[in-house]
Amino acid sequence: MSDRAEKKKEIQDAIKNIVEAKGSARVTNKRDKEVRYMLWIDKELMKKVKLKALEEETTVKDLIEYSLKTFLKDFE
């Protein structure tokens, strides 16, 4: 085997080991309690949400989460 082929194999093995290690070790963080959800939203509404987030010095994500939680509390 050439030096280049050996180096390529070493790199592939190293990547494989990293991927296997990450798959077996459970890392807990904030994202473990979240899911990704994509939806289509009216452009003007999104502009208003972004503007409100800027005014409140928060993220769009946090503003939407807060709004949904507040909205859903009304139904409890």
PDB file of N, CA and C in Angstrom:
ATOM      1  N   MET A   1       0.839  -1.175   0.000  1.00  0.00           N
ATOM      2  CA  MET A   1       0.000   0.000   0.000  1.00  0.00           C
ATOM      3  C   MET A   1       0.887   1.243   0.000  1.00  0.00           C
ATOM      4  N   SER A   2       0.493   2.242  -0.772  1.00  0.00           N
ATOM      5  CA  SER A   2       1.287   3.470  -0.830  1.00  0.00           C
ATOM      6  C   SER A   2       1.090   4.291   0.442  1.00  0.00           C
ATOM      7  N   ASP A   3       2.007   5.237   0.646  1.00  0.00           N
ATOM      8  CA  ASP A   3       1.901   6.109   1.823  1.00  0.00           C
ATOM      9  C   ASP A   3       0.576   6.874   1.819  1.00  0.00           C
ATOM     10  N   ARG A   4       0.174   7.301   0.642  1.00  0.00           N
ATOM     11  CA  ARG A   4      -1.073   8.063   0.540  1.00  0.00           C
ATOM     12  C   ARG A   4      -2.276   7.195   0.895  1.00  0.00           C
ATOM     13  N   ALA A   5      -2.291   5.966   0.419  1.00  0.00           N
ATOM     14  CA  ALA A   5      -3.392   5.049   0.715  1.00  0.00           C
ATOM     15  C   ALA A   5      -3.419   4.702   2.200  1.00  0.00           C
ATOM     16  N   GLU A   6      -2.236   4.525   2.795  1.00  0.00           N
ATOM     17  CA  GLU A   6      -2.162   4.228   4.227  1.00  0.00           C
ATOM     18  C   GLU A   6      -2.682   5.405   5.054  1.00  0.00           C
ATOM     19  N   LYS A   7      -2.292   6.605   4.667  1.00  0.00           N
ATOM     20  CA  LYS A   7      -2.740   7.803   5.381  1.00  0.00           C
ATOM     21  C   LYS A   7      -4.258   7.947   5.275  1.00  0.00           C
ATOM     22  N   LYS A   8      -4.791   7.688   4.073  1.00  0.00           N
ATOM     23  CA  LYS A   8      -6.234   7.765   3.871  1.00  0.00           C
ATOM     24  C   LYS A   8      -6.951   6.756   4.757  1.00  0.00           C
ATOM     25  N   LYS A   9      -6.415   5.540   4.836  1.00  0.00           N
ATOM     26  CA  LYS A   9      -7.022   4.497   5.680  1.00  0.00           C
ATOM     27  C   LYS A   9      -6.969   4.900   7.146  1.00  0.00           C
ATOM     28  N   GLU A  10      -5.855   5.484   7.599  1.00  0.00           N
ATOM     29  CA  GLU A  10      -5.733   5.935   8.988  1.00  0.00           C
ATOM     30  C   GLU A  10      -6.789   6.992   9.309  1.00  0.00           C
ATOM     31  N   ILE A  11      -6.969   7.923   8.390  1.00  0.00           N
ATOM     32  CA  ILE A  11      -7.953   8.989   8.597  1.00  0.00           C
ATOM     33  C   ILE A  11      -9.363   8.409   8.639  1.00  0.00           C
ATOM     34  N   GLN A  12      -9.660   7.489   7.720  1.00  0.00           N
ATOM     35  CA  GLN A  12     -10.980   6.867   7.698  1.00  0.00           C
ATOM     36  C   GLN A  12     -11.241   6.094   8.986  1.00  0.00           C
ATOM     37  N   ASP A  13     -10.234   5.381   9.474  1.00  0.00           N
ATOM     38  CA  ASP A  13     -10.383   4.632  10.724  1.00  0.00           C
ATOM     39  C   ASP A  13     -10.591   5.567  11.911  1.00  0.00           C
ATOM     40  N   ALA A  14      -9.863   6.675  11.925  1.00  0.00           N
ATOM     41  CA  ALA A  14     -10.013   7.646  13.013  1.00  0.00           C
ATOM     42  C   ALA A  14     -11.420   8.239  13.011  1.00  0.00           C
ATOM     43  N   ILE A  15     -11.915   8.585  11.834  1.00  0.00           N
ATOM     44  CA  ILE A  15     -13.274   9.134  11.725  1.00  0.00           C
ATOM     45  C   ILE A  15     -14.296   8.094  12.166  1.00  0.00           C
ATOM     46  N   LYS A  16     -14.109   6.863  11.736  1.00  0.00           N
ATOM     47  CA  LYS A  16     -15.023   5.781  12.116  1.00  0.00           C
ATOM     48  C   LYS A  16     -15.055   5.616  13.632  1.00  0.00           C
ATOM     49  N   ASN A  17     -13.893   5.662  14.273  1.00  0.00           N
ATOM     50  CA  ASN A  17     -13.826   5.520  15.729  1.00  0.00           C
ATOM     51  C   ASN A  17     -14.534   6.670  16.441  1.00  0.00           C
ATOM     52  N   ILE A  18     -14.368   7.876  15.930  1.00  0.00           N
ATOM     53  CA  ILE A  18     -15.030   9.040  16.533  1.00  0.00           C
ATOM     54  C   ILE A  18     -16.544   8.911  16.408  1.00  0.00           C
ATOM     55  N   VAL A  19     -17.013   8.539  15.226  1.00  0.00           N
ATOM     56  CA  VAL A  19     -18.451   8.396  14.996  1.00  0.00           C
ATOM     57  C   VAL A  19     -19.030   7.312  15.894  1.00  0.00           C
ATOM     58  N   GLU A  20     -18.349   6.188  16.006  1.00  0.00           N
ATOM     59  CA  GLU A  20     -18.830   5.102  16.863  1.00  0.00           C
ATOM     60  C   GLU A  20     -18.855   5.530  18.327  1.00  0.00           C
ATOM     61  N   ALA A  21     -17.843   6.254  18.763  1.00  0.00           N
ATOM     62  CA  ALA A  21     -17.781   6.704  20.156  1.00  0.00           C
ATOM     63  C   ALA A  21     -18.906   7.687  20.455  1.00  0.00           C
ATOM     64  N   LYS A  22     -19.178   8.586  19.529  1.00  0.00           N
ATOM     65  CA  LYS A  22     -20.255   9.554  19.747  1.00  0.00           C
ATOM     66  C   LYS A  22     -21.606   8.861  19.760  1.00  0.00           C
ATOM     67  N   GLY A  23     -21.761   7.828  18.972  1.00  0.00           N
ATOM     68  CA  GLY A  23     -23.028   7.109  18.934  1.00  0.00           C
ATOM     69  C   GLY A  23     -23.297   6.339  20.208  1.00  0.00           C
ATOM     70  N   SER A  24     -22.258   5.867  20.857  1.00  0.00           N
ATOM     71  CA  SER A  24     -22.452   5.055  22.053  1.00  0.00           C
ATOM     72  C   SER A  24     -22.554   5.885  23.320  1.00  0.00           C
ATOM     73  N   ALA A  25     -21.940   7.048  23.338  1.00  0.00           N
ATOM     74  CA  ALA A  25     -21.976   7.903  24.527  1.00  0.00           C
ATOM     75  C   ALA A  25     -23.133   8.883  24.402  1.00  0.00           C
ATOM     76  N   ARG A  26     -24.011   8.852  25.359  1.00  0.00           N
ATOM     77  CA  ARG A  26     -25.178   9.742  25.334  1.00  0.00           C
ATOM     78  C   ARG A  26     -24.808  11.078  25.954  1.00  0.00           C
ATOM     79  N   VAL A  27     -24.878  12.119  25.150  1.00  0.00           N
ATOM     80  CA  VAL A  27     -24.572  13.459  25.624  1.00  0.00           C
ATOM     81  C   VAL A  27     -25.897  14.147  25.929  1.00  0.00           C
ATOM     82  N   THR A  28     -26.025  14.649  27.140  1.00  0.00           N
ATOM     83  CA  THR A  28     -27.259  15.338  27.489  1.00  0.00           C
ATOM     84  C   THR A  28     -27.011  16.838  27.471  1.00  0.00           C
ATOM     85  N   ASN A  29     -27.898  17.527  26.822  1.00  0.00           N
ATOM     86  CA  ASN A  29     -27.838  18.983  26.787  1.00  0.00           C
ATOM     87  C   ASN A  29     -29.232  19.531  26.531  1.00  0.00           C
ATOM     88  N   LYS A  30     -29.332  20.822  26.381  1.00  0.00           N
ATOM     89  CA  LYS A  30     -30.631  21.462  26.187  1.00  0.00           C
ATOM     90  C   LYS A  30     -31.356  20.912  24.961  1.00  0.00           C
ATOM     91  N   ARG A  31     -30.642  20.615  23.916  1.00  0.00           N
ATOM     92  CA  ARG A  31     -31.259  20.141  22.677  1.00  0.00           C
ATOM     93  C   ARG A  31     -31.932  18.775  22.837  1.00  0.00           C
ATOM     94  N   ASP A  32     -31.585  18.026  23.884  1.00  0.00           N
ATOM     95  CA  ASP A  32     -32.221  16.733  24.098  1.00  0.00           C
ATOM     96  C   ASP A  32     -33.709  16.883  24.397  1.00  0.00           C
ATOM     97  N   LYS A  33     -34.114  18.052  24.864  1.00  0.00           N
ATOM     98  CA  LYS A  33     -35.515  18.283  25.207  1.00  0.00           C
ATOM     99  C   LYS A  33     -36.248  19.055  24.118  1.00  0.00           C
ATOM    100  N   GLU A  34     -35.618  19.238  22.988  1.00  0.00           N
ATOM    101  CA  GLU A  34     -36.215  20.021  21.912  1.00  0.00           C
ATOM    102  C   GLU A  34     -36.378  19.179  20.652  1.00  0.00           C
ATOM    103  N   VAL A  35     -37.301  19.600  19.815  1.00  0.00           N
ATOM    104  CA  VAL A  35     -37.485  18.981  18.505  1.00  0.00           C
ATOM    105  C   VAL A  35     -37.466  20.082  17.456  1.00  0.00           C
ATOM    106  N   ARG A  36     -37.144  19.707  16.260  1.00  0.00           N
ATOM    107  CA  ARG A  36     -37.137  20.664  15.156  1.00  0.00           C
ATOM    108  C   ARG A  36     -38.486  20.574  14.448  1.00  0.00           C
ATOM    109  N   TYR A  37     -39.053  21.730  14.154  1.00  0.00           N
ATOM    110  CA  TYR A  37     -40.335  21.796  13.459  1.00  0.00           C
ATOM    111  C   TYR A  37     -40.264  22.932  12.452  1.00  0.00           C
ATOM    112  N   MET A  38     -40.582  22.634  11.219  1.00  0.00           N
ATOM    113  CA  MET A  38     -40.533  23.658  10.180  1.00  0.00           C
ATOM    114  C   MET A  38     -41.942  23.932   9.682  1.00  0.00           C
ATOM    115  N   LEU A  39     -42.259  25.197   9.473  1.00  0.00           N
ATOM    116  CA  LEU A  39     -43.559  25.550   8.939  1.00  0.00           C
ATOM    117  C   LEU A  39     -43.446  26.783   8.057  1.00  0.00           C
ATOM    118  N   TRP A  40     -44.442  26.954   7.233  1.00  0.00           N
ATOM    119  CA  TRP A  40     -44.518  28.143   6.395  1.00  0.00           C
ATOM    120  C   TRP A  40     -45.332  29.168   7.147  1.00  0.00           C
ATOM    121  N   ILE A  41     -44.820  30.406   7.189  1.00  0.00           N
ATOM    122  CA  ILE A  41     -45.481  31.468   7.939  1.00  0.00           C
ATOM    123  C   ILE A  41     -45.559  32.713   7.056  1.00  0.00           C
ATOM    124  N   ASP A  42     -46.613  33.477   7.222  1.00  0.00           N
ATOM    125  CA  ASP A  42     -46.818  34.694   6.451  1.00  0.00           C
ATOM    126  C   ASP A  42     -45.605  35.625   6.591  1.00  0.00           C
ATOM    127  N   LYS A  43     -45.146  36.182   5.474  1.00  0.00           N
ATOM    128  CA  LYS A  43     -43.947  37.035   5.485  1.00  0.00           C
ATOM    129  C   LYS A  43     -44.109  38.248   6.390  1.00  0.00           C
ATOM    130  N   GLU A  44     -45.263  38.888   6.322  1.00  0.00           N
ATOM    131  CA  GLU A  44     -45.483  40.082   7.145  1.00  0.00           C
ATOM    132  C   GLU A  44     -45.503  39.730   8.631  1.00  0.00           C
ATOM    133  N   LEU A  45     -46.090  38.596   8.964  1.00  0.00           N
ATOM    134  CA  LEU A  45     -46.104  38.157  10.359  1.00  0.00           C
ATOM    135  C   LEU A  45     -44.686  37.873  10.837  1.00  0.00           C
ATOM    136  N   MET A  46     -43.890  37.240   9.997  1.00  0.00           N
ATOM    137  CA  MET A  46     -42.510  36.939  10.378  1.00  0.00           C
ATOM    138  C   MET A  46     -41.706  38.219  10.571  1.00  0.00           C
ATOM    139  N   LYS A  47     -41.933  39.205   9.725  1.00  0.00           N
ATOM    140  CA  LYS A  47     -41.250  40.495   9.893  1.00  0.00           C
ATOM    141  C   LYS A  47     -41.593  41.111  11.243  1.00  0.00           C
ATOM    142  N   LYS A  48     -42.882  41.025  11.626  1.00  0.00           N
ATOM    143  CA  LYS A  48     -43.312  41.570  12.917  1.00  0.00           C
ATOM    144  C   LYS A  48     -42.670  40.813  14.077  1.00  0.00           C
ATOM    145  N   VAL A  49     -42.583  39.495  13.942  1.00  0.00           N
ATOM    146  CA  VAL A  49     -41.964  38.678  14.993  1.00  0.00           C
ATOM    147  C   VAL A  49     -40.490  39.047  15.131  1.00  0.00           C
ATOM    148  N   LYS A  50     -39.790  39.178  14.018  1.00  0.00           N
ATOM    149  CA  LYS A  50     -38.370  39.548  14.061  1.00  0.00           C
ATOM    150  C   LYS A  50     -38.174  40.930  14.682  1.00  0.00           C
ATOM    151  N   LEU A  51     -39.020  41.869  14.289  1.00  0.00           N
ATOM    152  CA  LEU A  51     -38.931  43.219  14.843  1.00  0.00           C
ATOM    153  C   LEU A  51     -39.181  43.205  16.350  1.00  0.00           C
ATOM    154  N   LYS A  52     -40.186  42.456  16.782  1.00  0.00           N
ATOM    155  CA  LYS A  52     -40.497  42.356  18.212  1.00  0.00           C
ATOM    156  C   LYS A  52     -39.335  41.723  18.967  1.00  0.00           C
ATOM    157  N   ALA A  53     -38.716  40.708  18.384  1.00  0.00           N
ATOM    158  CA  ALA A  53     -37.565  40.065  19.027  1.00  0.00           C
ATOM    159  C   ALA A  53     -36.416  41.064  19.177  1.00  0.00           C
ATOM    160  N   LEU A  54     -36.184  41.875  18.167  1.00  0.00           N
ATOM    161  CA  LEU A  54     -35.142  42.904  18.259  1.00  0.00           C
ATOM    162  C   LEU A  54     -35.468  43.919  19.351  1.00  0.00           C
ATOM    163  N   GLU A  55     -36.722  44.346  19.391  1.00  0.00           N
ATOM    164  CA  GLU A  55     -37.139  45.317  20.404  1.00  0.00           C
ATOM    165  C   GLU A  55     -36.973  44.757  21.816  1.00  0.00           C
ATOM    166  N   GLU A  56     -37.290  43.485  21.986  1.00  0.00           N
ATOM    167  CA  GLU A  56     -37.215  42.836  23.295  1.00  0.00           C
ATOM    168  C   GLU A  56     -35.807  42.324  23.611  1.00  0.00           C
ATOM    169  N   GLU A  57     -34.890  42.477  22.656  1.00  0.00           N
ATOM    170  CA  GLU A  57     -33.515  41.985  22.793  1.00  0.00           C
ATOM    171  C   GLU A  57     -33.492  40.495  23.142  1.00  0.00           C
ATOM    172  N   THR A  58     -34.224  39.725  22.359  1.00  0.00           N
ATOM    173  CA  THR A  58     -34.285  38.281  22.532  1.00  0.00           C
ATOM    174  C   THR A  58     -34.191  37.634  21.155  1.00  0.00           C
ATOM    175  N   THR A  59     -34.232  36.318  21.123  1.00  0.00           N
ATOM    176  CA  THR A  59     -34.185  35.608  19.847  1.00  0.00           C
ATOM    177  C   THR A  59     -35.602  35.333  19.365  1.00  0.00           C
ATOM    178  N   VAL A  60     -35.730  35.121  18.068  1.00  0.00           N
ATOM    179  CA  VAL A  60     -37.027  34.769  17.497  1.00  0.00           C
ATOM    180  C   VAL A  60     -37.519  33.474  18.130  1.00  0.00           C
ATOM    181  N   LYS A  61     -36.632  32.521  18.297  1.00  0.00           N
ATOM    182  CA  LYS A  61     -36.987  31.233  18.905  1.00  0.00           C
ATOM    183  C   LYS A  61     -37.566  31.430  20.299  1.00  0.00           C
ATOM    184  N   ASP A  62     -36.874  32.200  21.125  1.00  0.00           N
ATOM    185  CA  ASP A  62     -37.347  32.419  22.492  1.00  0.00           C
ATOM    186  C   ASP A  62     -38.677  33.165  22.512  1.00  0.00           C
ATOM    187  N   LEU A  63     -38.834  34.125  21.628  1.00  0.00           N
ATOM    188  CA  LEU A  63     -40.083  34.878  21.561  1.00  0.00           C
ATOM    189  C   LEU A  63     -41.242  33.971  21.156  1.00  0.00           C
ATOM    190  N   ILE A  64     -41.024  33.128  20.164  1.00  0.00           N
ATOM    191  CA  ILE A  64     -42.078  32.214  19.714  1.00  0.00           C
ATOM    192  C   ILE A  64     -42.407  31.204  20.805  1.00  0.00           C
ATOM    193  N   GLU A  65     -41.384  30.648  21.475  1.00  0.00           N
ATOM    194  CA  GLU A  65     -41.639  29.704  22.571  1.00  0.00           C
ATOM    195  C   GLU A  65     -42.457  30.358  23.676  1.00  0.00           C
ATOM    196  N   TYR A  66     -42.072  31.562  24.064  1.00  0.00           N
ATOM    197  CA  TYR A  66     -42.796  32.280  25.114  1.00  0.00           C
ATOM    198  C   TYR A  66     -44.248  32.523  24.688  1.00  0.00           C
ATOM    199  N   SER A  67     -44.438  32.955  23.451  1.00  0.00           N
ATOM    200  CA  SER A  67     -45.783  33.237  22.949  1.00  0.00           C
ATOM    201  C   SER A  67     -46.649  31.983  22.939  1.00  0.00           C
ATOM    202  N   LEU A  68     -46.085  30.878  22.500  1.00  0.00           N
ATOM    203  CA  LEU A  68     -46.842  29.623  22.478  1.00  0.00           C
ATOM    204  C   LEU A  68     -47.203  29.162  23.886  1.00  0.00           C
ATOM    205  N   LYS A  69     -46.249  29.243  24.807  1.00  0.00           N
ATOM    206  CA  LYS A  69     -46.528  28.839  26.191  1.00  0.00           C
ATOM    207  C   LYS A  69     -47.623  29.706  26.801  1.00  0.00           C
ATOM    208  N   THR A  70     -47.545  31.009  26.564  1.00  0.00           N
ATOM    209  CA  THR A  70     -48.556  31.928  27.085  1.00  0.00           C
ATOM    210  C   THR A  70     -49.920  31.626  26.471  1.00  0.00           C
ATOM    211  N   PHE A  71     -49.947  31.394  25.180  1.00  0.00           N
ATOM    212  CA  PHE A  71     -51.188  31.081  24.479  1.00  0.00           C
ATOM    213  C   PHE A  71     -51.795  29.788  25.011  1.00  0.00           C
ATOM    214  N   LEU A  72     -50.972  28.766  25.199  1.00  0.00           N
ATOM    215  CA  LEU A  72     -51.480  27.472  25.648  1.00  0.00           C
ATOM    216  C   LEU A  72     -51.942  27.494  27.102  1.00  0.00           C
ATOM    217  N   LYS A  73     -51.383  28.363  27.921  1.00  0.00           N
ATOM    218  CA  LYS A  73     -51.833  28.485  29.315  1.00  0.00           C
ATOM    219  C   LYS A  73     -53.293  28.911  29.377  1.00  0.00           C
ATOM    220  N   ASP A  74     -53.744  29.664  28.393  1.00  0.00           N
ATOM    221  CA  ASP A  74     -55.138  30.105  28.357  1.00  0.00           C
ATOM    222  C   ASP A  74     -56.105  28.935  28.186  1.00  0.00           C
ATOM    223  N   PHE A  75     -55.616  27.796  27.720  1.00  0.00           N
ATOM    224  CA  PHE A  75     -56.472  26.638  27.486  1.00  0.00           C
ATOM    225  C   PHE A  75     -56.409  25.621  28.618  1.00  0.00           C
ATOM    226  N   GLU A  76     -55.615  25.897  29.620  1.00  0.00           N
ATOM    227  CA  GLU A  76     -55.492  24.947  30.732  1.00  0.00           C
ATOM    228  C   GLU A  76     -56.560  25.179  31.761  1.00  0.00           C
TER     229      GLU A  76
END
